[in-house]
Amino acid sequence: MQAEIDDLEDLIAIAQDRWNSRCDAGWGAARTPEPVLRLREKLKEVRRLQEALQSRFGTD
């Protein structure tokens, strides 16, 4: 599960970098794009699940 979380964090970083590049070039809106927001929400959900599993079953 941690590998999937790491992958999701990488995807968020890539999306964030692309958005920042577009904003710096004057192509993008200042508002955070919907896909970046969705990825952030998914990451929060996965972290909550991981914490719940760790509290229920303990850590390795």
PDB file of N, CA and C in Angstrom:
ATOM      1  N   MET A   1       0.826  -1.189   0.000  1.00  0.00           N
ATOM      2  CA  MET A   1       0.000   0.000   0.000  1.00  0.00           C
ATOM      3  C   MET A   1       0.872   1.255   0.000  1.00  0.00           C
ATOM      4  N   GLN A   2       1.990   1.178   0.713  1.00  0.00           N
ATOM      5  CA  GLN A   2       2.859   2.353   0.769  1.00  0.00           C
ATOM      6  C   GLN A   2       3.411   2.687  -0.612  1.00  0.00           C
ATOM      7  N   ALA A   3       3.684   1.664  -1.413  1.00  0.00           N
ATOM      8  CA  ALA A   3       4.181   1.909  -2.770  1.00  0.00           C
ATOM      9  C   ALA A   3       3.137   2.653  -3.599  1.00  0.00           C
ATOM     10  N   GLU A   4       1.873   2.305  -3.414  1.00  0.00           N
ATOM     11  CA  GLU A   4       0.798   2.992  -4.129  1.00  0.00           C
ATOM     12  C   GLU A   4       0.672   4.442  -3.666  1.00  0.00           C
ATOM     13  N   ILE A   5       0.856   4.670  -2.382  1.00  0.00           N
ATOM     14  CA  ILE A   5       0.826   6.034  -1.854  1.00  0.00           C
ATOM     15  C   ILE A   5       1.985   6.842  -2.442  1.00  0.00           C
ATOM     16  N   ASP A   6       3.154   6.222  -2.499  1.00  0.00           N
ATOM     17  CA  ASP A   6       4.315   6.902  -3.089  1.00  0.00           C
ATOM     18  C   ASP A   6       4.061   7.243  -4.551  1.00  0.00           C
ATOM     19  N   ASP A   7       3.446   6.305  -5.290  1.00  0.00           N
ATOM     20  CA  ASP A   7       3.113   6.560  -6.698  1.00  0.00           C
ATOM     21  C   ASP A   7       2.135   7.721  -6.827  1.00  0.00           C
ATOM     22  N   LEU A   8       1.143   7.747  -5.950  1.00  0.00           N
ATOM     23  CA  LEU A   8       0.155   8.821  -5.979  1.00  0.00           C
ATOM     24  C   LEU A   8       0.804  10.165  -5.665  1.00  0.00           C
ATOM     25  N   GLU A   9       1.712  10.184  -4.705  1.00  0.00           N
ATOM     26  CA  GLU A   9       2.433  11.422  -4.390  1.00  0.00           C
ATOM     27  C   GLU A   9       3.266  11.885  -5.585  1.00  0.00           C
ATOM     28  N   ASP A  10       3.873  10.929  -6.296  1.00  0.00           N
ATOM     29  CA  ASP A  10       4.639  11.275  -7.501  1.00  0.00           C
ATOM     30  C   ASP A  10       3.734  11.879  -8.569  1.00  0.00           C
ATOM     31  N   LEU A  11       2.559  11.285  -8.771  1.00  0.00           N
ATOM     32  CA  LEU A  11       1.613  11.817  -9.754  1.00  0.00           C
ATOM     33  C   LEU A  11       1.176  13.232  -9.400  1.00  0.00           C
ATOM     34  N   ILE A  12       0.938  13.466  -8.126  1.00  0.00           N
ATOM     35  CA  ILE A  12       0.544  14.802  -7.676  1.00  0.00           C
ATOM     36  C   ILE A  12       1.672  15.796  -7.940  1.00  0.00           C
ATOM     37  N   ALA A  13       2.902  15.396  -7.646  1.00  0.00           N
ATOM     38  CA  ALA A  13       4.043  16.290  -7.872  1.00  0.00           C
ATOM     39  C   ALA A  13       4.195  16.618  -9.355  1.00  0.00           C
ATOM     40  N   ILE A  14       4.018  15.619 -10.215  1.00  0.00           N
ATOM     41  CA  ILE A  14       4.116  15.847 -11.659  1.00  0.00           C
ATOM     42  C   ILE A  14       3.018  16.797 -12.122  1.00  0.00           C
ATOM     43  N   ALA A  15       1.790  16.534 -11.685  1.00  0.00           N
ATOM     44  CA  ALA A  15       0.668  17.391 -12.078  1.00  0.00           C
ATOM     45  C   ALA A  15       0.873  18.816 -11.573  1.00  0.00           C
ATOM     46  N   GLN A  16       1.361  18.943 -10.355  1.00  0.00           N
ATOM     47  CA  GLN A  16       1.615  20.267  -9.771  1.00  0.00           C
ATOM     48  C   GLN A  16       2.693  21.007 -10.560  1.00  0.00           C
ATOM     49  N   ASP A  17       3.768  20.293 -10.911  1.00  0.00           N
ATOM     50  CA  ASP A  17       4.849  20.917 -11.686  1.00  0.00           C
ATOM     51  C   ASP A  17       4.359  21.381 -13.051  1.00  0.00           C
ATOM     52  N   ARG A  18       3.559  20.556 -13.705  1.00  0.00           N
ATOM     53  CA  ARG A  18       3.028  20.929 -15.022  1.00  0.00           C
ATOM     54  C   ARG A  18       2.128  22.152 -14.917  1.00  0.00           C
ATOM     55  N   TRP A  19       1.298  22.172 -13.881  1.00  0.00           N
ATOM     56  CA  TRP A  19       0.400  23.310 -13.682  1.00  0.00           C
ATOM     57  C   TRP A  19       1.212  24.578 -13.421  1.00  0.00           C
ATOM     58  N   ASN A  20       2.227  24.461 -12.558  1.00  0.00           N
ATOM     59  CA  ASN A  20       3.076  25.624 -12.265  1.00  0.00           C
ATOM     60  C   ASN A  20       3.773  26.127 -13.520  1.00  0.00           C
ATOM     61  N   SER A  21       4.239  25.208 -14.355  1.00  0.00           N
ATOM     62  CA  SER A  21       4.905  25.601 -15.604  1.00  0.00           C
ATOM     63  C   SER A  21       3.952  26.352 -16.519  1.00  0.00           C
ATOM     64  N   ARG A  22       2.721  25.866 -16.626  1.00  0.00           N
ATOM     65  CA  ARG A  22       1.731  26.550 -17.465  1.00  0.00           C
ATOM     66  C   ARG A  22       1.401  27.923 -16.907  1.00  0.00           C
ATOM     67  N   CYS A  23       1.275  28.019 -15.599  1.00  0.00           N
ATOM     68  CA  CYS A  23       0.987  29.326 -14.978  1.00  0.00           C
ATOM     69  C   CYS A  23       2.137  30.298 -15.210  1.00  0.00           C
ATOM     70  N   ASP A  24       3.359  29.807 -15.048  1.00  0.00           N
ATOM     71  CA  ASP A  24       4.532  30.664 -15.256  1.00  0.00           C
ATOM     72  C   ASP A  24       4.632  31.143 -16.698  1.00  0.00           C
ATOM     73  N   ALA A  25       4.177  30.310 -17.626  1.00  0.00           N
ATOM     74  CA  ALA A  25       4.223  30.673 -19.046  1.00  0.00           C
ATOM     75  C   ALA A  25       3.033  31.531 -19.455  1.00  0.00           C
ATOM     76  N   GLY A  26       2.093  31.724 -18.527  1.00  0.00           N
ATOM     77  CA  GLY A  26       0.922  32.542 -18.816  1.00  0.00           C
ATOM     78  C   GLY A  26      -0.198  31.791 -19.501  1.00  0.00           C
ATOM     79  N   TRP A  27      -0.132  30.453 -19.508  1.00  0.00           N
ATOM     80  CA  TRP A  27      -1.158  29.652 -20.186  1.00  0.00           C
ATOM     81  C   TRP A  27      -2.261  29.167 -19.264  1.00  0.00           C
ATOM     82  N   GLY A  28      -1.992  29.091 -17.994  1.00  0.00           N
ATOM     83  CA  GLY A  28      -2.953  28.483 -17.088  1.00  0.00           C
ATOM     84  C   GLY A  28      -3.616  29.487 -16.172  1.00  0.00           C
ATOM     85  N   ALA A  29      -4.721  29.061 -15.627  1.00  0.00           N
ATOM     86  CA  ALA A  29      -5.435  29.874 -14.651  1.00  0.00           C
ATOM     87  C   ALA A  29      -4.750  29.738 -13.291  1.00  0.00           C
ATOM     88  N   ALA A  30      -4.959  30.717 -12.445  1.00  0.00           N
ATOM     89  CA  ALA A  30      -4.361  30.691 -11.112  1.00  0.00           C
ATOM     90  C   ALA A  30      -5.032  29.652 -10.219  1.00  0.00           C
ATOM     91  N   ARG A  31      -6.244  29.270 -10.571  1.00  0.00           N
ATOM     92  CA  ARG A  31      -6.992  28.284  -9.785  1.00  0.00           C
ATOM     93  C   ARG A  31      -6.409  26.890 -10.011  1.00  0.00           C
ATOM     94  N   THR A  32      -6.242  26.132  -8.933  1.00  0.00           N
ATOM     95  CA  THR A  32      -5.708  24.776  -9.040  1.00  0.00           C
ATOM     96  C   THR A  32      -6.630  23.927  -9.904  1.00  0.00           C
ATOM     97  N   PRO A  33      -6.068  23.226 -10.895  1.00  0.00           N
ATOM     98  CA  PRO A  33      -6.894  22.411 -11.788  1.00  0.00           C
ATOM     99  C   PRO A  33      -7.602  21.272 -11.051  1.00  0.00           C
ATOM    100  N   GLU A  34      -8.746  20.912 -11.551  1.00  0.00           N
ATOM    101  CA  GLU A  34      -9.568  19.858 -10.961  1.00  0.00           C
ATOM    102  C   GLU A  34      -8.813  18.528 -10.820  1.00  0.00           C
ATOM    103  N   PRO A  35      -8.043  18.074 -11.823  1.00  0.00           N
ATOM    104  CA  PRO A  35      -7.324  16.804 -11.642  1.00  0.00           C
ATOM    105  C   PRO A  35      -6.342  16.820 -10.468  1.00  0.00           C
ATOM    106  N   VAL A  36      -5.688  17.948 -10.247  1.00  0.00           N
ATOM    107  CA  VAL A  36      -4.763  18.054  -9.118  1.00  0.00           C
ATOM    108  C   VAL A  36      -5.546  17.975  -7.811  1.00  0.00           C
ATOM    109  N   LEU A  37      -6.664  18.647  -7.745  1.00  0.00           N
ATOM    110  CA  LEU A  37      -7.493  18.595  -6.538  1.00  0.00           C
ATOM    111  C   LEU A  37      -8.002  17.183  -6.274  1.00  0.00           C
ATOM    112  N   ARG A  38      -8.410  16.484  -7.341  1.00  0.00           N
ATOM    113  CA  ARG A  38      -8.895  15.108  -7.184  1.00  0.00           C
ATOM    114  C   ARG A  38      -7.786  14.180  -6.695  1.00  0.00           C
ATOM    115  N   LEU A  39      -6.578  14.352  -7.225  1.00  0.00           N
ATOM    116  CA  LEU A  39      -5.460  13.528  -6.767  1.00  0.00           C
ATOM    117  C   LEU A  39      -5.148  13.794  -5.296  1.00  0.00           C
ATOM    118  N   ARG A  40      -5.200  15.040  -4.886  1.00  0.00           N
ATOM    119  CA  ARG A  40      -4.954  15.371  -3.476  1.00  0.00           C
ATOM    120  C   ARG A  40      -6.005  14.731  -2.569  1.00  0.00           C
ATOM    121  N   GLU A  41      -7.265  14.772  -2.995  1.00  0.00           N
ATOM    122  CA  GLU A  41      -8.339  14.156  -2.212  1.00  0.00           C
ATOM    123  C   GLU A  41      -8.163  12.647  -2.135  1.00  0.00           C
ATOM    124  N   LYS A  42      -7.761  12.033  -3.237  1.00  0.00           N
ATOM    125  CA  LYS A  42      -7.527  10.592  -3.256  1.00  0.00           C
ATOM    126  C   LYS A  42      -6.399  10.232  -2.303  1.00  0.00           C
ATOM    127  N   LEU A  43      -5.352  11.053  -2.275  1.00  0.00           N
ATOM    128  CA  LEU A  43      -4.237  10.810  -1.366  1.00  0.00           C
ATOM    129  C   LEU A  43      -4.702  10.892   0.088  1.00  0.00           C
ATOM    130  N   LYS A  44      -5.513  11.877   0.409  1.00  0.00           N
ATOM    131  CA  LYS A  44      -6.045  11.987   1.774  1.00  0.00           C
ATOM    132  C   LYS A  44      -6.843  10.745   2.141  1.00  0.00           C
ATOM    133  N   GLU A  45      -7.666  10.273   1.210  1.00  0.00           N
ATOM    134  CA  GLU A  45      -8.487   9.090   1.442  1.00  0.00           C
ATOM    135  C   GLU A  45      -7.614   7.853   1.680  1.00  0.00           C
ATOM    136  N   VAL A  46      -6.585   7.689   0.874  1.00  0.00           N
ATOM    137  CA  VAL A  46      -5.700   6.536   1.013  1.00  0.00           C
ATOM    138  C   VAL A  46      -4.937   6.600   2.330  1.00  0.00           C
ATOM    139  N   ARG A  47      -4.503   7.782   2.722  1.00  0.00           N
ATOM    140  CA  ARG A  47      -3.792   7.925   4.003  1.00  0.00           C
ATOM    141  C   ARG A  47      -4.714   7.611   5.182  1.00  0.00           C
ATOM    142  N   ARG A  48      -5.974   8.050   5.098  1.00  0.00           N
ATOM    143  CA  ARG A  48      -6.934   7.722   6.164  1.00  0.00           C
ATOM    144  C   ARG A  48      -7.126   6.212   6.253  1.00  0.00           C
ATOM    145  N   LEU A  49      -7.231   5.559   5.108  1.00  0.00           N
ATOM    146  CA  LEU A  49      -7.385   4.109   5.084  1.00  0.00           C
ATOM    147  C   LEU A  49      -6.162   3.432   5.684  1.00  0.00           C
ATOM    148  N   GLN A  50      -4.987   3.901   5.315  1.00  0.00           N
ATOM    149  CA  GLN A  50      -3.760   3.324   5.845  1.00  0.00           C
ATOM    150  C   GLN A  50      -3.697   3.491   7.364  1.00  0.00           C
ATOM    151  N   GLU A  51      -4.033   4.666   7.859  1.00  0.00           N
ATOM    152  CA  GLU A  51      -4.022   4.904   9.304  1.00  0.00           C
ATOM    153  C   GLU A  51      -5.031   4.014  10.017  1.00  0.00           C
ATOM    154  N   ALA A  52      -6.207   3.845   9.423  1.00  0.00           N
ATOM    155  CA  ALA A  52      -7.225   2.987  10.024  1.00  0.00           C
ATOM    156  C   ALA A  52      -6.753   1.535  10.077  1.00  0.00           C
ATOM    157  N   LEU A  53      -6.127   1.081   9.018  1.00  0.00           N
ATOM    158  CA  LEU A  53      -5.609  -0.288   8.995  1.00  0.00           C
ATOM    159  C   LEU A  53      -4.488  -0.471  10.013  1.00  0.00           C
ATOM    160  N   GLN A  54      -3.620   0.534  10.124  1.00  0.00           N
ATOM    161  CA  GLN A  54      -2.528   0.443  11.090  1.00  0.00           C
ATOM    162  C   GLN A  54      -3.050   0.436  12.519  1.00  0.00           C
ATOM    163  N   SER A  55      -4.058   1.241  12.804  1.00  0.00           N
ATOM    164  CA  SER A  55      -4.595   1.265  14.165  1.00  0.00           C
ATOM    165  C   SER A  55      -5.355  -0.021  14.476  1.00  0.00           C
ATOM    166  N   ARG A  56      -5.962  -0.607  13.466  1.00  0.00           N
ATOM    167  CA  ARG A  56      -6.727  -1.845  13.671  1.00  0.00           C
ATOM    168  C   ARG A  56      -5.818  -3.065  13.787  1.00  0.00           C
ATOM    169  N   PHE A  57      -4.823  -3.164  12.913  1.00  0.00           N
ATOM    170  CA  PHE A  57      -4.009  -4.372  12.834  1.00  0.00           C
ATOM    171  C   PHE A  57      -2.564  -4.171  13.278  1.00  0.00           C
ATOM    172  N   GLY A  58      -2.177  -2.960  13.602  1.00  0.00           N
ATOM    173  CA  GLY A  58      -0.809  -2.684  14.010  1.00  0.00           C
ATOM    174  C   GLY A  58       0.090  -2.469  12.811  1.00  0.00           C
ATOM    175  N   THR A  59       1.306  -2.036  13.089  1.00  0.00           N
ATOM    176  CA  THR A  59       2.264  -1.795  12.013  1.00  0.00           C
ATOM    177  C   THR A  59       3.214  -2.966  11.907  1.00  0.00           C
ATOM    178  N   ASP A  60       3.812  -3.097  10.728  1.00  0.00           N
ATOM    179  CA  ASP A  60       4.766  -4.198  10.498  1.00  0.00           C
ATOM    180  C   ASP A  60       6.122  -3.863  11.042  1.00  0.00           C
TER     181      ASP A  60
END
